[in-house]
Amino acid sequence: MTVQDVRDVLLWCLIINVGLLLWWFLVFSLAHDWVYRIHGRWFTLSEERFDAIHYLGMAIFKIAIFMFNIVPYIALLIVG
């Protein structure tokens, strides 16, 4: 596997992960009440706690995208 192949894989991973993050944000913001009702059936959560959990999850996912996709992609651009 060449450096170019790894860069291509990282780029596609980045595109897919950002797409998932945007989908999560859109579903969370546009269908908030529906998602809260579904999760409310399974777990006893206040709406504030539910929002905080999703906000934290999105933040952790965004940090993971930076650490595992963007930074290695930029490093490979610099190296080769």
C-alpha atoms as a PDB file:
ATOM      1  CA  MET A   1       0.000   0.000   0.000  1.00  0.00           C
ATOM      2  CA  THR A   2       1.458   3.329  -1.030  1.00  0.00           C
ATOM      3  CA  VAL A   3       1.309   6.655   0.782  1.00  0.00           C
ATOM      4  CA  GLN A   4      -1.176   7.865  -1.837  1.00  0.00           C
ATOM      5  CA  ASP A   5      -3.465   4.906  -1.069  1.00  0.00           C
ATOM      6  CA  VAL A   6      -3.401   5.701   2.656  1.00  0.00           C
ATOM      7  CA  ARG A   7      -4.131   9.376   1.916  1.00  0.00           C
ATOM      8  CA  ASP A   8      -7.092   8.379  -0.241  1.00  0.00           C
ATOM      9  CA  VAL A   9      -8.437   6.102   2.496  1.00  0.00           C
ATOM     10  CA  LEU A  10      -8.062   8.834   5.113  1.00  0.00           C
ATOM     11  CA  LEU A  11      -9.790  11.336   2.840  1.00  0.00           C
ATOM     12  CA  TRP A  12     -12.750   8.997   2.317  1.00  0.00           C
ATOM     13  CA  CYS A  13     -12.881   8.287   6.057  1.00  0.00           C
ATOM     14  CA  LEU A  14     -12.946  12.030   6.667  1.00  0.00           C
ATOM     15  CA  ILE A  15     -15.779  12.553   4.175  1.00  0.00           C
ATOM     16  CA  ILE A  16     -17.852   9.709   5.646  1.00  0.00           C
ATOM     17  CA  ASN A  17     -17.255  10.779   9.256  1.00  0.00           C
ATOM     18  CA  VAL A  18     -18.103  14.431   8.595  1.00  0.00           C
ATOM     19  CA  GLY A  19     -21.234  13.255   6.789  1.00  0.00           C
ATOM     20  CA  LEU A  20     -22.223  11.179   9.812  1.00  0.00           C
ATOM     21  CA  LEU A  21     -21.581  14.112  12.138  1.00  0.00           C
ATOM     22  CA  LEU A  22     -23.694  16.424   9.974  1.00  0.00           C
ATOM     23  CA  TRP A  23     -26.467  13.813   9.794  1.00  0.00           C
ATOM     24  CA  TRP A  24     -26.401  13.440  13.585  1.00  0.00           C
ATOM     25  CA  PHE A  25     -26.575  17.220  14.026  1.00  0.00           C
ATOM     26  CA  LEU A  26     -29.428  17.603  11.544  1.00  0.00           C
ATOM     27  CA  VAL A  27     -31.486  14.785  13.039  1.00  0.00           C
ATOM     28  CA  PHE A  28     -30.808  16.074  16.539  1.00  0.00           C
ATOM     29  CA  SER A  29     -31.742  19.662  15.720  1.00  0.00           C
ATOM     30  CA  LEU A  30     -34.652  19.068  13.308  1.00  0.00           C
ATOM     31  CA  ALA A  31     -36.237  16.020  14.984  1.00  0.00           C
ATOM     32  CA  HIS A  32     -35.221  16.741  18.585  1.00  0.00           C
ATOM     33  CA  ASP A  33     -38.585  15.981  20.185  1.00  0.00           C
ATOM     34  CA  TRP A  34     -39.029  12.737  18.266  1.00  0.00           C
ATOM     35  CA  VAL A  35     -35.534  11.507  19.180  1.00  0.00           C
ATOM     36  CA  TYR A  36     -36.079  12.535  22.815  1.00  0.00           C
ATOM     37  CA  ARG A  37     -39.370  10.616  22.969  1.00  0.00           C
ATOM     38  CA  ILE A  38     -37.729   7.467  21.567  1.00  0.00           C
ATOM     39  CA  HIS A  39     -34.848   7.635  24.035  1.00  0.00           C
ATOM     40  CA  GLY A  40     -37.251   8.583  26.820  1.00  0.00           C
ATOM     41  CA  ARG A  41     -38.918   5.198  26.452  1.00  0.00           C
ATOM     42  CA  TRP A  42     -35.644   3.404  27.141  1.00  0.00           C
ATOM     43  CA  PHE A  43     -33.959   5.712  29.646  1.00  0.00           C
ATOM     44  CA  THR A  44     -35.109   8.095  32.342  1.00  0.00           C
ATOM     45  CA  LEU A  45     -33.483  11.337  31.233  1.00  0.00           C
ATOM     46  CA  SER A  46     -34.382  14.973  31.595  1.00  0.00           C
ATOM     47  CA  GLU A  47     -34.360  16.959  28.382  1.00  0.00           C
ATOM     48  CA  GLU A  48     -31.370  18.986  29.584  1.00  0.00           C
ATOM     49  CA  ARG A  49     -29.380  15.838  30.316  1.00  0.00           C
ATOM     50  CA  PHE A  50     -30.381  14.347  26.967  1.00  0.00           C
ATOM     51  CA  ASP A  51     -29.151  17.479  25.174  1.00  0.00           C
ATOM     52  CA  ALA A  52     -25.901  17.478  27.161  1.00  0.00           C
ATOM     53  CA  ILE A  53     -25.214  13.823  26.324  1.00  0.00           C
ATOM     54  CA  HIS A  54     -25.726  14.411  22.605  1.00  0.00           C
ATOM     55  CA  TYR A  55     -23.688  17.612  22.638  1.00  0.00           C
ATOM     56  CA  LEU A  56     -20.828  15.820  24.405  1.00  0.00           C
ATOM     57  CA  GLY A  57     -21.095  12.877  22.013  1.00  0.00           C
ATOM     58  CA  MET A  58     -20.861  15.170  19.009  1.00  0.00           C
ATOM     59  CA  ALA A  59     -17.883  16.979  20.547  1.00  0.00           C
ATOM     60  CA  ILE A  60     -16.031  13.711  21.216  1.00  0.00           C
ATOM     61  CA  PHE A  61     -16.825  12.487  17.694  1.00  0.00           C
ATOM     62  CA  LYS A  62     -15.521  15.755  16.222  1.00  0.00           C
ATOM     63  CA  ILE A  63     -12.292  15.479  18.231  1.00  0.00           C
ATOM     64  CA  ALA A  64     -11.903  11.869  17.050  1.00  0.00           C
ATOM     65  CA  ILE A  65     -12.336  13.010  13.433  1.00  0.00           C
ATOM     66  CA  PHE A  66      -9.541  15.531  13.916  1.00  0.00           C
ATOM     67  CA  MET A  67      -7.241  13.050  15.662  1.00  0.00           C
ATOM     68  CA  PHE A  68      -7.771  10.023  13.436  1.00  0.00           C
ATOM     69  CA  ASN A  69      -8.556  11.544  10.024  1.00  0.00           C
ATOM     70  CA  ILE A  70      -7.462  15.139   9.585  1.00  0.00           C
ATOM     71  CA  VAL A  71      -4.131  15.099  11.432  1.00  0.00           C
ATOM     72  CA  PRO A  72      -2.824  11.888   9.782  1.00  0.00           C
ATOM     73  CA  TYR A  73      -4.033  13.130   6.383  1.00  0.00           C
ATOM     74  CA  ILE A  74      -2.179  16.431   6.792  1.00  0.00           C
ATOM     75  CA  ALA A  75       0.931  14.597   8.035  1.00  0.00           C
ATOM     76  CA  LEU A  76       0.901  12.383   4.950  1.00  0.00           C
ATOM     77  CA  LEU A  77       0.472  15.422   2.731  1.00  0.00           C
ATOM     78  CA  ILE A  78       3.529  16.986   4.325  1.00  0.00           C
ATOM     79  CA  VAL A  79       5.641  13.824   4.174  1.00  0.00           C
ATOM     80  CA  GLY A  80       4.870  12.612   0.726  1.00  0.00           C
END
